[in-house]
Amino acid sequence: FEPEKLNWSKNVMNEEELIQAGFRANREPIPGDWDYEHHMPDTPENEWDLIRARAKELGIKTHAKKREQIEAEIADVEFHEQEKENE
């Protein structure tokens, strides 16, 4: 495995675009990780901002977690909060 042969950044964005998107030059994004998902064009950034804000509000850490995992944790916490309110 030789990452320089993949040349991911040159296939998708030039270096300046990567920097603007928040990627560090020495780290290629991993599919499923927060930085990668957050900057993919098929997910509106405001949607991610809402998910991340809700997770932070509930005390859920989002770093290097897949979107599905974050959403599942939010749903779990909200479910338990709802149960407490119903008692």
PDB file of N, CA and C in Angstrom:
ATOM      1  N   PHE A   1       0.844  -1.198   0.000  1.00  0.00           N
ATOM      2  CA  PHE A   1       0.000   0.000   0.000  1.00  0.00           C
ATOM      3  C   PHE A   1       0.878   1.246   0.000  1.00  0.00           C
ATOM      4  N   GLU A   2       0.742   2.039  -1.038  1.00  0.00           N
ATOM      5  CA  GLU A   2       1.530   3.261  -1.141  1.00  0.00           C
ATOM      6  C   GLU A   2       0.579   4.434  -1.366  1.00  0.00           C
ATOM      7  N   PRO A   3       0.295   5.194  -0.292  1.00  0.00           N
ATOM      8  CA  PRO A   3      -0.696   6.272  -0.405  1.00  0.00           C
ATOM      9  C   PRO A   3      -0.404   7.291  -1.493  1.00  0.00           C
ATOM     10  N   GLU A   4       0.895   7.561  -1.742  1.00  0.00           N
ATOM     11  CA  GLU A   4       1.197   8.561  -2.766  1.00  0.00           C
ATOM     12  C   GLU A   4       0.751   8.112  -4.159  1.00  0.00           C
ATOM     13  N   LYS A   5       0.610   6.805  -4.365  1.00  0.00           N
ATOM     14  CA  LYS A   5       0.139   6.323  -5.671  1.00  0.00           C
ATOM     15  C   LYS A   5      -1.366   6.519  -5.829  1.00  0.00           C
ATOM     16  N   LEU A   6      -2.095   6.569  -4.717  1.00  0.00           N
ATOM     17  CA  LEU A   6      -3.536   6.801  -4.788  1.00  0.00           C
ATOM     18  C   LEU A   6      -3.829   8.211  -5.284  1.00  0.00           C
ATOM     19  N   ASN A   7      -3.032   9.169  -4.794  1.00  0.00           N
ATOM     20  CA  ASN A   7      -3.158  10.566  -5.217  1.00  0.00           C
ATOM     21  C   ASN A   7      -4.599  11.060  -5.116  1.00  0.00           C
ATOM     22  N   TRP A   8      -5.255  10.720  -4.015  1.00  0.00           N
ATOM     23  CA  TRP A   8      -6.659  11.059  -3.805  1.00  0.00           C
ATOM     24  C   TRP A   8      -6.940  12.536  -4.009  1.00  0.00           C
ATOM     25  N   SER A   9      -6.100  13.393  -3.415  1.00  0.00           N
ATOM     26  CA  SER A   9      -6.378  14.829  -3.457  1.00  0.00           C
ATOM     27  C   SER A   9      -6.356  15.384  -4.881  1.00  0.00           C
ATOM     28  N   LYS A  10      -5.488  14.846  -5.723  1.00  0.00           N
ATOM     29  CA  LYS A  10      -5.419  15.359  -7.095  1.00  0.00           C
ATOM     30  C   LYS A  10      -6.615  14.897  -7.920  1.00  0.00           C
ATOM     31  N   ASN A  11      -7.220  13.765  -7.546  1.00  0.00           N
ATOM     32  CA  ASN A  11      -8.387  13.286  -8.285  1.00  0.00           C
ATOM     33  C   ASN A  11      -9.639  14.094  -7.962  1.00  0.00           C
ATOM     34  N   VAL A  12      -9.711  14.625  -6.761  1.00  0.00           N
ATOM     35  CA  VAL A  12     -10.937  15.269  -6.316  1.00  0.00           C
ATOM     36  C   VAL A  12     -10.811  16.784  -6.230  1.00  0.00           C
ATOM     37  N   MET A  13      -9.779  17.259  -5.562  1.00  0.00           N
ATOM     38  CA  MET A  13      -9.597  18.700  -5.362  1.00  0.00           C
ATOM     39  C   MET A  13      -8.118  19.037  -5.469  1.00  0.00           C
ATOM     40  N   ASN A  14      -7.831  20.264  -5.843  1.00  0.00           N
ATOM     41  CA  ASN A  14      -6.429  20.666  -5.814  1.00  0.00           C
ATOM     42  C   ASN A  14      -6.047  21.030  -4.381  1.00  0.00           C
ATOM     43  N   GLU A  15      -4.769  21.254  -4.145  1.00  0.00           N
ATOM     44  CA  GLU A  15      -4.287  21.463  -2.780  1.00  0.00           C
ATOM     45  C   GLU A  15      -4.961  22.656  -2.096  1.00  0.00           C
ATOM     46  N   GLU A  16      -5.134  23.748  -2.841  1.00  0.00           N
ATOM     47  CA  GLU A  16      -5.760  24.938  -2.263  1.00  0.00           C
ATOM     48  C   GLU A  16      -7.194  24.645  -1.822  1.00  0.00           C
ATOM     49  N   GLU A  17      -7.939  23.905  -2.651  1.00  0.00           N
ATOM     50  CA  GLU A  17      -9.312  23.540  -2.289  1.00  0.00           C
ATOM     51  C   GLU A  17      -9.332  22.653  -1.050  1.00  0.00           C
ATOM     52  N   LEU A  18      -8.360  21.752  -0.950  1.00  0.00           N
ATOM     53  CA  LEU A  18      -8.275  20.887   0.230  1.00  0.00           C
ATOM     54  C   LEU A  18      -8.051  21.710   1.489  1.00  0.00           C
ATOM     55  N   ILE A  19      -7.157  22.685   1.400  1.00  0.00           N
ATOM     56  CA  ILE A  19      -6.871  23.540   2.559  1.00  0.00           C
ATOM     57  C   ILE A  19      -8.133  24.315   2.942  1.00  0.00           C
ATOM     58  N   GLN A  20      -8.834  24.856   1.950  1.00  0.00           N
ATOM     59  CA  GLN A  20     -10.080  25.586   2.225  1.00  0.00           C
ATOM     60  C   GLN A  20     -11.122  24.674   2.856  1.00  0.00           C
ATOM     61  N   ALA A  21     -11.125  23.405   2.459  1.00  0.00           N
ATOM     62  CA  ALA A  21     -12.086  22.442   3.007  1.00  0.00           C
ATOM     63  C   ALA A  21     -11.664  21.952   4.388  1.00  0.00           C
ATOM     64  N   GLY A  22     -10.492  22.345   4.846  1.00  0.00           N
ATOM     65  CA  GLY A  22     -10.066  22.009   6.192  1.00  0.00           C
ATOM     66  C   GLY A  22      -9.214  20.762   6.301  1.00  0.00           C
ATOM     67  N   PHE A  23      -8.778  20.215   5.185  1.00  0.00           N
ATOM     68  CA  PHE A  23      -7.923  19.039   5.244  1.00  0.00           C
ATOM     69  C   PHE A  23      -6.483  19.456   5.474  1.00  0.00           C
ATOM     70  N   ARG A  24      -5.788  18.714   6.291  1.00  0.00           N
ATOM     71  CA  ARG A  24      -4.361  18.953   6.455  1.00  0.00           C
ATOM     72  C   ARG A  24      -3.638  18.259   5.310  1.00  0.00           C
ATOM     73  N   ALA A  25      -2.596  18.875   4.802  1.00  0.00           N
ATOM     74  CA  ALA A  25      -1.893  18.348   3.645  1.00  0.00           C
ATOM     75  C   ALA A  25      -1.286  16.972   3.902  1.00  0.00           C
ATOM     76  N   ASN A  26      -0.949  16.662   5.152  1.00  0.00           N
ATOM     77  CA  ASN A  26      -0.271  15.396   5.438  1.00  0.00           C
ATOM     78  C   ASN A  26      -1.236  14.272   5.777  1.00  0.00           C
ATOM     79  N   ARG A  27      -2.524  14.483   5.639  1.00  0.00           N
ATOM     80  CA  ARG A  27      -3.483  13.438   6.014  1.00  0.00           C
ATOM     81  C   ARG A  27      -4.564  13.317   4.957  1.00  0.00           C
ATOM     82  N   GLU A  28      -4.672  12.135   4.387  1.00  0.00           N
ATOM     83  CA  GLU A  28      -5.746  11.911   3.434  1.00  0.00           C
ATOM     84  C   GLU A  28      -6.995  11.503   4.193  1.00  0.00           C
ATOM     85  N   PRO A  29      -8.160  11.996   3.785  1.00  0.00           N
ATOM     86  CA  PRO A  29      -9.385  11.626   4.482  1.00  0.00           C
ATOM     87  C   PRO A  29      -9.712  10.146   4.293  1.00  0.00           C
ATOM     88  N   ILE A  30     -10.353   9.566   5.263  1.00  0.00           N
ATOM     89  CA  ILE A  30     -10.741   8.167   5.225  1.00  0.00           C
ATOM     90  C   ILE A  30     -12.250   8.138   5.040  1.00  0.00           C
ATOM     91  N   PRO A  31     -12.747   7.383   4.056  1.00  0.00           N
ATOM     92  CA  PRO A  31     -14.201   7.330   3.882  1.00  0.00           C
ATOM     93  C   PRO A  31     -14.881   6.932   5.191  1.00  0.00           C
ATOM     94  N   GLY A  32     -15.922   7.665   5.557  1.00  0.00           N
ATOM     95  CA  GLY A  32     -16.637   7.387   6.794  1.00  0.00           C
ATOM     96  C   GLY A  32     -16.170   8.242   7.955  1.00  0.00           C
ATOM     97  N   ASP A  33     -14.988   8.852   7.843  1.00  0.00           N
ATOM     98  CA  ASP A  33     -14.567   9.676   8.976  1.00  0.00           C
ATOM     99  C   ASP A  33     -15.143  11.075   8.830  1.00  0.00           C
ATOM    100  N   TRP A  34     -15.226  11.769   9.941  1.00  0.00           N
ATOM    101  CA  TRP A  34     -15.960  13.026   9.990  1.00  0.00           C
ATOM    102  C   TRP A  34     -15.511  14.023   8.931  1.00  0.00           C
ATOM    103  N   ASP A  35     -14.205  14.287   8.833  1.00  0.00           N
ATOM    104  CA  ASP A  35     -13.714  15.287   7.882  1.00  0.00           C
ATOM    105  C   ASP A  35     -14.111  14.922   6.461  1.00  0.00           C
ATOM    106  N   TYR A  36     -13.995  13.655   6.122  1.00  0.00           N
ATOM    107  CA  TYR A  36     -14.322  13.196   4.771  1.00  0.00           C
ATOM    108  C   TYR A  36     -15.805  13.408   4.495  1.00  0.00           C
ATOM    109  N   GLU A  37     -16.660  12.898   5.373  1.00  0.00           N
ATOM    110  CA  GLU A  37     -18.103  12.999   5.164  1.00  0.00           C
ATOM    111  C   GLU A  37     -18.580  14.447   5.159  1.00  0.00           C
ATOM    112  N   HIS A  38     -17.992  15.231   6.062  1.00  0.00           N
ATOM    113  CA  HIS A  38     -18.453  16.611   6.230  1.00  0.00           C
ATOM    114  C   HIS A  38     -18.286  17.424   4.950  1.00  0.00           C
ATOM    115  N   HIS A  39     -17.291  17.107   4.164  1.00  0.00           N
ATOM    116  CA  HIS A  39     -17.017  17.913   2.977  1.00  0.00           C
ATOM    117  C   HIS A  39     -17.460  17.239   1.681  1.00  0.00           C
ATOM    118  N   MET A  40     -18.184  16.140   1.793  1.00  0.00           N
ATOM    119  CA  MET A  40     -18.689  15.516   0.581  1.00  0.00           C
ATOM    120  C   MET A  40     -19.896  16.318   0.079  1.00  0.00           C
ATOM    121  N   PRO A  41     -19.954  16.579  -1.217  1.00  0.00           N
ATOM    122  CA  PRO A  41     -20.988  17.460  -1.742  1.00  0.00           C
ATOM    123  C   PRO A  41     -22.408  16.909  -1.625  1.00  0.00           C
ATOM    124  N   ASP A  42     -22.584  15.582  -1.467  1.00  0.00           N
ATOM    125  CA  ASP A  42     -23.941  15.042  -1.429  1.00  0.00           C
ATOM    126  C   ASP A  42     -24.619  15.226  -0.067  1.00  0.00           C
ATOM    127  N   THR A  43     -23.872  15.686   0.934  1.00  0.00           N
ATOM    128  CA  THR A  43     -24.472  15.971   2.241  1.00  0.00           C
ATOM    129  C   THR A  43     -24.377  17.476   2.477  1.00  0.00           C
ATOM    130  N   PRO A  44     -25.525  18.156   2.544  1.00  0.00           N
ATOM    131  CA  PRO A  44     -25.463  19.600   2.766  1.00  0.00           C
ATOM    132  C   PRO A  44     -24.748  19.905   4.083  1.00  0.00           C
ATOM    133  N   GLU A  45     -23.835  20.872   4.055  1.00  0.00           N
ATOM    134  CA  GLU A  45     -23.057  21.186   5.256  1.00  0.00           C
ATOM    135  C   GLU A  45     -23.958  21.603   6.400  1.00  0.00           C
ATOM    136  N   ASN A  46     -25.040  22.328   6.101  1.00  0.00           N
ATOM    137  CA  ASN A  46     -25.911  22.764   7.194  1.00  0.00           C
ATOM    138  C   ASN A  46     -26.558  21.567   7.890  1.00  0.00           C
ATOM    139  N   GLU A  47     -26.805  20.486   7.147  1.00  0.00           N
ATOM    140  CA  GLU A  47     -27.352  19.263   7.749  1.00  0.00           C
ATOM    141  C   GLU A  47     -26.345  18.670   8.734  1.00  0.00           C
ATOM    142  N   TRP A  48     -25.059  18.628   8.315  1.00  0.00           N
ATOM    143  CA  TRP A  48     -24.009  18.132   9.196  1.00  0.00           C
ATOM    144  C   TRP A  48     -23.858  19.018  10.414  1.00  0.00           C
ATOM    145  N   ASP A  49     -23.946  20.336  10.194  1.00  0.00           N
ATOM    146  CA  ASP A  49     -23.826  21.270  11.315  1.00  0.00           C
ATOM    147  C   ASP A  49     -24.918  21.013  12.349  1.00  0.00           C
ATOM    148  N   LEU A  50     -26.133  20.727  11.878  1.00  0.00           N
ATOM    149  CA  LEU A  50     -27.243  20.448  12.788  1.00  0.00           C
ATOM    150  C   LEU A  50     -27.006  19.158  13.568  1.00  0.00           C
ATOM    151  N   ILE A  51     -26.538  18.121  12.879  1.00  0.00           N
ATOM    152  CA  ILE A  51     -26.254  16.842  13.535  1.00  0.00           C
ATOM    153  C   ILE A  51     -25.160  17.028  14.578  1.00  0.00           C
ATOM    154  N   ARG A  52     -24.100  17.707  14.176  1.00  0.00           N
ATOM    155  CA  ARG A  52     -22.976  17.911  15.090  1.00  0.00           C
ATOM    156  C   ARG A  52     -23.380  18.771  16.295  1.00  0.00           C
ATOM    157  N   ALA A  53     -24.176  19.806  16.048  1.00  0.00           N
ATOM    158  CA  ALA A  53     -24.631  20.688  17.139  1.00  0.00           C
ATOM    159  C   ALA A  53     -25.506  19.909  18.122  1.00  0.00           C
ATOM    160  N   ARG A  54     -26.397  19.076  17.609  1.00  0.00           N
ATOM    161  CA  ARG A  54     -27.267  18.281  18.482  1.00  0.00           C
ATOM    162  C   ARG A  54     -26.436  17.290  19.299  1.00  0.00           C
ATOM    163  N   ALA A  55     -25.464  16.660  18.668  1.00  0.00           N
ATOM    164  CA  ALA A  55     -24.596  15.716  19.378  1.00  0.00           C
ATOM    165  C   ALA A  55     -23.846  16.429  20.497  1.00  0.00           C
ATOM    166  N   LYS A  56     -23.327  17.606  20.199  1.00  0.00           N
ATOM    167  CA  LYS A  56     -22.581  18.374  21.208  1.00  0.00           C
ATOM    168  C   LYS A  56     -23.491  18.744  22.372  1.00  0.00           C
ATOM    169  N   GLU A  57     -24.712  19.151  22.039  1.00  0.00           N
ATOM    170  CA  GLU A  57     -25.707  19.516  23.047  1.00  0.00           C
ATOM    171  C   GLU A  57     -25.984  18.346  24.006  1.00  0.00           C
ATOM    172  N   LEU A  58     -25.971  17.134  23.466  1.00  0.00           N
ATOM    173  CA  LEU A  58     -26.244  15.938  24.270  1.00  0.00           C
ATOM    174  C   LEU A  58     -24.985  15.344  24.891  1.00  0.00           C
ATOM    175  N   GLY A  59     -23.835  15.966  24.629  1.00  0.00           N
ATOM    176  CA  GLY A  59     -22.585  15.478  25.203  1.00  0.00           C
ATOM    177  C   GLY A  59     -21.997  14.291  24.467  1.00  0.00           C
ATOM    178  N   ILE A  60     -22.354  14.129  23.194  1.00  0.00           N
ATOM    179  CA  ILE A  60     -21.845  13.017  22.386  1.00  0.00           C
ATOM    180  C   ILE A  60     -20.637  13.495  21.597  1.00  0.00           C
ATOM    181  N   LYS A  61     -19.552  12.739  21.683  1.00  0.00           N
ATOM    182  CA  LYS A  61     -18.355  13.096  20.912  1.00  0.00           C
ATOM    183  C   LYS A  61     -18.533  12.634  19.470  1.00  0.00           C
ATOM    184  N   THR A  62     -18.108  13.488  18.522  1.00  0.00           N
ATOM    185  CA  THR A  62     -18.308  13.179  17.107  1.00  0.00           C
ATOM    186  C   THR A  62     -17.009  12.891  16.362  1.00  0.00           C
ATOM    187  N   HIS A  63     -15.874  13.147  16.981  1.00  0.00           N
ATOM    188  CA  HIS A  63     -14.605  13.035  16.274  1.00  0.00           C
ATOM    189  C   HIS A  63     -14.369  11.622  15.747  1.00  0.00           C
ATOM    190  N   ALA A  64     -14.070  11.510  14.469  1.00  0.00           N
ATOM    191  CA  ALA A  64     -13.704  10.261  13.804  1.00  0.00           C
ATOM    192  C   ALA A  64     -14.779   9.175  13.925  1.00  0.00           C
ATOM    193  N   LYS A  65     -16.039   9.592  13.990  1.00  0.00           N
ATOM    194  CA  LYS A  65     -17.136   8.626  13.999  1.00  0.00           C
ATOM    195  C   LYS A  65     -17.887   8.750  12.693  1.00  0.00           C
ATOM    196  N   LYS A  66     -18.473   7.641  12.251  1.00  0.00           N
ATOM    197  CA  LYS A  66     -19.291   7.677  11.051  1.00  0.00           C
ATOM    198  C   LYS A  66     -20.618   8.353  11.367  1.00  0.00           C
ATOM    199  N   ARG A  67     -21.202   8.929  10.334  1.00  0.00           N
ATOM    200  CA  ARG A  67     -22.472   9.645  10.492  1.00  0.00           C
ATOM    201  C   ARG A  67     -23.539   8.756  11.139  1.00  0.00           C
ATOM    202  N   GLU A  68     -23.641   7.507  10.670  1.00  0.00           N
ATOM    203  CA  GLU A  68     -24.663   6.602  11.193  1.00  0.00           C
ATOM    204  C   GLU A  68     -24.481   6.389  12.697  1.00  0.00           C
ATOM    205  N   GLN A  69     -23.233   6.290  13.131  1.00  0.00           N
ATOM    206  CA  GLN A  69     -22.948   6.067  14.549  1.00  0.00           C
ATOM    207  C   GLN A  69     -23.375   7.281  15.377  1.00  0.00           C
ATOM    208  N   ILE A  70     -23.068   8.473  14.875  1.00  0.00           N
ATOM    209  CA  ILE A  70     -23.440   9.705  15.580  1.00  0.00           C
ATOM    210  C   ILE A  70     -24.965   9.796  15.679  1.00  0.00           C
ATOM    211  N   GLU A  71     -25.641   9.552  14.556  1.00  0.00           N
ATOM    212  CA  GLU A  71     -27.103   9.639  14.547  1.00  0.00           C
ATOM    213  C   GLU A  71     -27.734   8.592  15.474  1.00  0.00           C
ATOM    214  N   ALA A  72     -27.154   7.399  15.523  1.00  0.00           N
ATOM    215  CA  ALA A  72     -27.676   6.349  16.403  1.00  0.00           C
ATOM    216  C   ALA A  72     -27.518   6.746  17.874  1.00  0.00           C
ATOM    217  N   GLU A  73     -26.369   7.331  18.206  1.00  0.00           N
ATOM    218  CA  GLU A  73     -26.139   7.767  19.590  1.00  0.00           C
ATOM    219  C   GLU A  73     -27.101   8.882  19.977  1.00  0.00           C
ATOM    220  N   ILE A  74     -27.351   9.819  19.050  1.00  0.00           N
ATOM    221  CA  ILE A  74     -28.305  10.905  19.312  1.00  0.00           C
ATOM    222  C   ILE A  74     -29.691  10.307  19.563  1.00  0.00           C
ATOM    223  N   ALA A  75     -30.112   9.382  18.697  1.00  0.00           N
ATOM    224  CA  ALA A  75     -31.432   8.760  18.834  1.00  0.00           C
ATOM    225  C   ALA A  75     -31.553   8.027  20.167  1.00  0.00           C
ATOM    226  N   ASP A  76     -30.495   7.352  20.576  1.00  0.00           N
ATOM    227  CA  ASP A  76     -30.493   6.606  21.834  1.00  0.00           C
ATOM    228  C   ASP A  76     -30.669   7.546  23.028  1.00  0.00           C
ATOM    229  N   VAL A  77     -29.885   8.630  23.037  1.00  0.00           N
ATOM    230  CA  VAL A  77     -29.978   9.596  24.148  1.00  0.00           C
ATOM    231  C   VAL A  77     -31.357  10.250  24.163  1.00  0.00           C
ATOM    232  N   GLU A  78     -31.856  10.631  22.991  1.00  0.00           N
ATOM    233  CA  GLU A  78     -33.175  11.272  22.924  1.00  0.00           C
ATOM    234  C   GLU A  78     -34.277  10.319  23.386  1.00  0.00           C
ATOM    235  N   PHE A  79     -34.152   9.040  23.039  1.00  0.00           N
ATOM    236  CA  PHE A  79     -35.128   8.037  23.457  1.00  0.00           C
ATOM    237  C   PHE A  79     -35.169   7.936  24.983  1.00  0.00           C
ATOM    238  N   HIS A  80     -34.004   7.869  25.596  1.00  0.00           N
ATOM    239  CA  HIS A  80     -33.941   7.758  27.052  1.00  0.00           C
ATOM    240  C   HIS A  80     -34.452   9.035  27.735  1.00  0.00           C
ATOM    241  N   GLU A  81     -34.178  10.199  27.132  1.00  0.00           N
ATOM    242  CA  GLU A  81     -34.712  11.456  27.674  1.00  0.00           C
ATOM    243  C   GLU A  81     -36.233  11.462  27.615  1.00  0.00           C
ATOM    244  N   GLN A  82     -36.783  10.963  26.506  1.00  0.00           N
ATOM    245  CA  GLN A  82     -38.235  10.909  26.324  1.00  0.00           C
ATOM    246  C   GLN A  82     -38.861   9.967  27.352  1.00  0.00           C
ATOM    247  N   GLU A  83     -38.210   8.831  27.604  1.00  0.00           N
ATOM    248  CA  GLU A  83     -38.712   7.885  28.602  1.00  0.00           C
ATOM    249  C   GLU A  83     -38.773   8.522  29.985  1.00  0.00           C
ATOM    250  N   LYS A  84     -37.732   9.293  30.335  1.00  0.00           N
ATOM    251  CA  LYS A  84     -37.697   9.965  31.641  1.00  0.00           C
ATOM    252  C   LYS A  84     -38.846  10.965  31.764  1.00  0.00           C
ATOM    253  N   GLU A  85     -39.122  11.708  30.672  1.00  0.00           N
ATOM    254  CA  GLU A  85     -40.200  12.696  30.688  1.00  0.00           C
ATOM    255  C   GLU A  85     -41.561  12.025  30.847  1.00  0.00           C
ATOM    256  N   ASN A  86     -41.708  10.839  30.295  1.00  0.00           N
ATOM    257  CA  ASN A  86     -42.990  10.135  30.328  1.00  0.00           C
ATOM    258  C   ASN A  86     -43.276   9.471  31.673  1.00  0.00           C
ATOM    259  N   GLU A  87     -42.275   9.365  32.525  1.00  0.00           N
ATOM    260  CA  GLU A  87     -42.478   8.700  33.826  1.00  0.00           C
ATOM    261  C   GLU A  87     -43.276   9.564  34.777  1.00  0.00           C
TER     262      GLU A  87
END
